[in-house]
Amino acid sequence: WTSCAPLNIRRHQSAVCELGGYLYIIGGAESWNCLNTVERYNPENNTWSLIAPMNVARRGAGVAVLDGKCWDIERGK
């Protein structure tokens, strides 16, 4: 294990995936507020960047990588 830079936005119940050598943290919640933000970690320079947000805020979702894309999968209601 090694420490890395902190996220730009504190969050819990987020989804995580690896794609193309980057780590993605997707959605989640900050306190009780659901987030639509997505952060990408670059291990080369130990930095997190905010990238394009999702169109809907989600927490507790799952993610999968398929055909070079990261898909956010929301639970059924």
Protein backbone atom coordinates (compact mmCIF):
# COMPACT_ATOMS: atom_id res chain seq x y z
CA TRP A 1 0.00 0.00 0.00
CA THR A 2 1.00 3.56 -0.62
CA SER A 3 -0.68 6.85 0.14
CA CYS A 4 -1.91 9.07 -2.65
CA ALA A 5 -3.13 12.64 -2.93
CA PRO A 6 -6.55 13.40 -1.41
CA LEU A 7 -9.65 13.72 -3.58
CA ASN A 8 -10.90 17.18 -4.52
CA ILE A 9 -14.31 16.40 -2.99
CA ARG A 10 -14.81 14.27 0.13
CA ARG A 11 -17.27 11.47 -0.60
CA HIS A 12 -18.57 8.11 0.52
CA GLN A 13 -20.70 5.43 -1.20
CA SER A 14 -18.94 6.19 -4.47
CA ALA A 15 -18.19 3.76 -7.28
CA VAL A 16 -14.60 3.03 -8.32
CA CYS A 17 -13.07 1.60 -11.47
CA GLU A 18 -9.75 1.43 -13.30
CA LEU A 19 -9.56 2.23 -16.99
CA GLY A 20 -6.52 2.96 -19.13
CA GLY A 21 -4.16 3.21 -16.17
CA TYR A 22 -6.33 5.78 -14.37
CA LEU A 23 -8.51 5.29 -11.30
CA TYR A 24 -12.01 6.80 -11.42
CA ILE A 25 -14.15 7.76 -8.41
CA ILE A 26 -17.75 8.21 -9.55
CA GLY A 27 -20.64 9.87 -7.73
CA GLY A 28 -21.23 9.05 -4.09
CA ALA A 29 -22.37 11.42 -1.39
CA GLU A 30 -20.90 14.25 0.63
CA SER A 31 -22.81 14.12 3.91
CA TRP A 32 -26.42 13.59 2.70
CA ASN A 33 -25.95 15.28 -0.70
CA CYS A 34 -25.69 12.93 -3.68
CA LEU A 35 -22.92 13.82 -6.14
CA ASN A 36 -22.72 13.75 -9.91
CA THR A 37 -19.01 14.54 -9.93
CA VAL A 38 -16.31 12.24 -11.29
CA GLU A 39 -12.62 12.39 -10.39
CA ARG A 40 -9.73 10.74 -12.22
CA TYR A 41 -6.48 9.78 -10.49
CA ASN A 42 -3.24 9.93 -12.46
CA PRO A 43 -0.63 7.74 -10.74
CA GLU A 44 2.15 9.25 -12.87
CA ASN A 45 1.95 12.59 -11.04
CA ASN A 46 -0.19 11.64 -8.00
CA THR A 47 -3.04 14.02 -8.84
CA TRP A 48 -6.84 13.91 -8.92
CA SER A 49 -8.70 15.86 -11.62
CA LEU A 50 -12.39 16.64 -11.83
CA ILE A 51 -13.64 15.50 -15.23
CA ALA A 52 -17.04 15.75 -16.94
CA PRO A 53 -19.84 15.08 -14.43
CA MET A 54 -22.63 12.54 -14.80
CA ASN A 55 -26.00 13.91 -15.86
CA VAL A 56 -27.60 12.50 -12.68
CA ALA A 57 -26.26 12.44 -9.11
CA ARG A 58 -25.87 8.88 -7.76
CA ARG A 59 -24.60 7.12 -4.67
CA GLY A 60 -24.24 3.43 -3.98
CA ALA A 61 -24.13 2.55 -7.69
CA GLY A 62 -21.87 -0.02 -9.27
CA VAL A 63 -19.57 0.39 -12.23
CA ALA A 64 -18.23 -1.90 -14.94
CA VAL A 65 -15.72 -1.45 -17.74
CA LEU A 66 -16.88 -2.62 -21.16
CA ASP A 67 -15.44 -1.87 -24.60
CA GLY A 68 -13.05 0.78 -23.23
CA LYS A 69 -15.76 2.71 -21.37
CA CYS A 70 -16.70 2.91 -17.71
CA TRP A 71 -20.43 2.36 -17.15
CA ASP A 72 -22.26 3.50 -14.02
CA ILE A 73 -25.00 1.05 -13.11
CA GLU A 74 -27.79 2.22 -10.83
CA ARG A 75 -29.72 -0.24 -8.69
CA GLY A 76 -33.31 -0.97 -9.63
CA LYS A 77 -35.97 0.66 -7.48
